[in-house]
Amino acid sequence: MLDVAKECNLNIVTYHFHEFEPWGVSGVIILAESHFTIHTWPEYHYAALDLFICNEFNQQTPLITQLQTQLSSKEYEYKVLQ
């Protein structure tokens, strides 16, 4: 997520990730623009990510492509809310 945020020109203020035993992770990246979060359920092959941006964002395609690649996603769904 940090690499994706940097490549999409998001301004990282701070971040924290927590790894669960035996698996899974929850994390947040605080952005100057708002925040980017992830929660994973590896046992269900599922991850939920939220990206909130308070200004114009034109990096949707690169963001989704990179996340899909890094997460090895076969399927994904995304929604853009204005």
Protein backbone atom coordinates (compact mmCIF):
# COMPACT_ATOMS: atom_id res chain seq x y z
CA MET A 1 0.00 0.00 0.00
CA LEU A 2 2.84 2.38 0.75
CA ASP A 3 4.33 1.81 -2.71
CA VAL A 4 0.93 2.27 -4.35
CA ALA A 5 0.26 5.47 -2.41
CA LYS A 6 3.65 6.90 -3.37
CA GLU A 7 3.28 5.96 -7.04
CA CYS A 8 -0.17 7.59 -7.13
CA ASN A 9 1.26 10.82 -5.70
CA LEU A 10 -0.62 10.60 -2.40
CA ASN A 11 0.94 12.54 0.46
CA ILE A 12 1.68 10.13 3.31
CA VAL A 13 1.61 11.71 6.76
CA THR A 14 1.99 8.50 8.80
CA TYR A 15 0.94 4.85 8.74
CA HIS A 16 0.37 1.82 10.92
CA PHE A 17 -0.18 -1.85 10.05
CA HIS A 18 -1.09 -4.65 12.43
CA GLU A 19 -0.50 -8.31 11.55
CA PHE A 20 -2.86 -10.82 13.14
CA GLU A 21 -1.98 -14.37 14.18
CA PRO A 22 -2.09 -16.72 12.41
CA TRP A 23 -2.74 -14.42 9.42
CA GLY A 24 -4.32 -11.22 8.21
CA VAL A 25 -3.52 -7.56 8.41
CA SER A 26 -5.29 -4.29 9.09
CA GLY A 27 -3.64 -1.03 8.26
CA VAL A 28 -4.12 2.65 7.77
CA ILE A 29 -2.16 5.27 5.91
CA ILE A 30 -3.00 8.80 7.01
CA LEU A 31 -2.78 11.07 4.00
CA ALA A 32 -2.69 14.84 3.73
CA GLU A 33 -5.74 14.25 1.48
CA SER A 34 -7.53 11.93 4.01
CA HIS A 35 -6.83 8.17 4.48
CA PHE A 36 -6.23 4.76 2.87
CA THR A 37 -7.13 1.57 4.78
CA ILE A 38 -6.93 -2.19 4.33
CA HIS A 39 -8.42 -5.15 6.18
CA THR A 40 -7.65 -8.68 5.02
CA TRP A 41 -9.24 -12.07 5.57
CA PRO A 42 -6.76 -14.49 3.97
CA GLU A 43 -8.83 -17.49 5.02
CA TYR A 44 -11.57 -16.18 2.68
CA HIS A 45 -9.16 -14.84 0.04
CA TYR A 46 -10.63 -11.38 0.66
CA ALA A 47 -9.33 -7.88 1.26
CA ALA A 48 -11.28 -4.65 1.70
CA LEU A 49 -9.63 -1.33 0.98
CA ASP A 50 -10.96 2.20 1.35
CA LEU A 51 -9.41 5.32 -0.07
CA PHE A 52 -10.87 8.66 0.93
CA ILE A 53 -9.58 11.74 -0.88
CA CYS A 54 -10.76 15.30 -0.23
CA ASN A 55 -9.48 16.70 -3.53
CA GLU A 56 -9.36 15.77 -7.23
CA PHE A 57 -7.86 12.31 -7.85
CA ASN A 58 -6.99 11.19 -11.37
CA GLN A 59 -4.95 8.08 -10.52
CA GLN A 60 -7.82 5.55 -10.28
CA THR A 61 -6.64 3.26 -13.06
CA PRO A 62 -2.99 3.06 -11.90
CA LEU A 63 -4.15 2.61 -8.29
CA ILE A 64 -6.47 -0.30 -9.13
CA THR A 65 -3.97 -1.92 -11.50
CA GLN A 66 -1.19 -1.81 -8.90
CA LEU A 67 -3.40 -3.08 -6.08
CA GLN A 68 -4.69 -5.90 -8.27
CA THR A 69 -1.11 -6.89 -9.14
CA GLN A 70 0.26 -6.67 -5.60
CA LEU A 71 -2.68 -8.56 -4.09
CA SER A 72 -2.71 -11.14 -6.93
CA SER A 73 -6.43 -10.46 -7.36
CA LYS A 74 -8.42 -12.53 -9.78
CA GLU A 75 -11.56 -10.51 -9.09
CA TYR A 76 -12.17 -7.05 -7.76
CA GLU A 77 -14.97 -4.57 -7.37
CA TYR A 78 -14.66 -0.87 -6.80
CA LYS A 79 -17.00 2.04 -6.31
CA VAL A 80 -16.34 5.71 -6.79
CA LEU A 81 -18.49 8.00 -4.68
CA GLN A 82 -18.54 11.74 -5.26
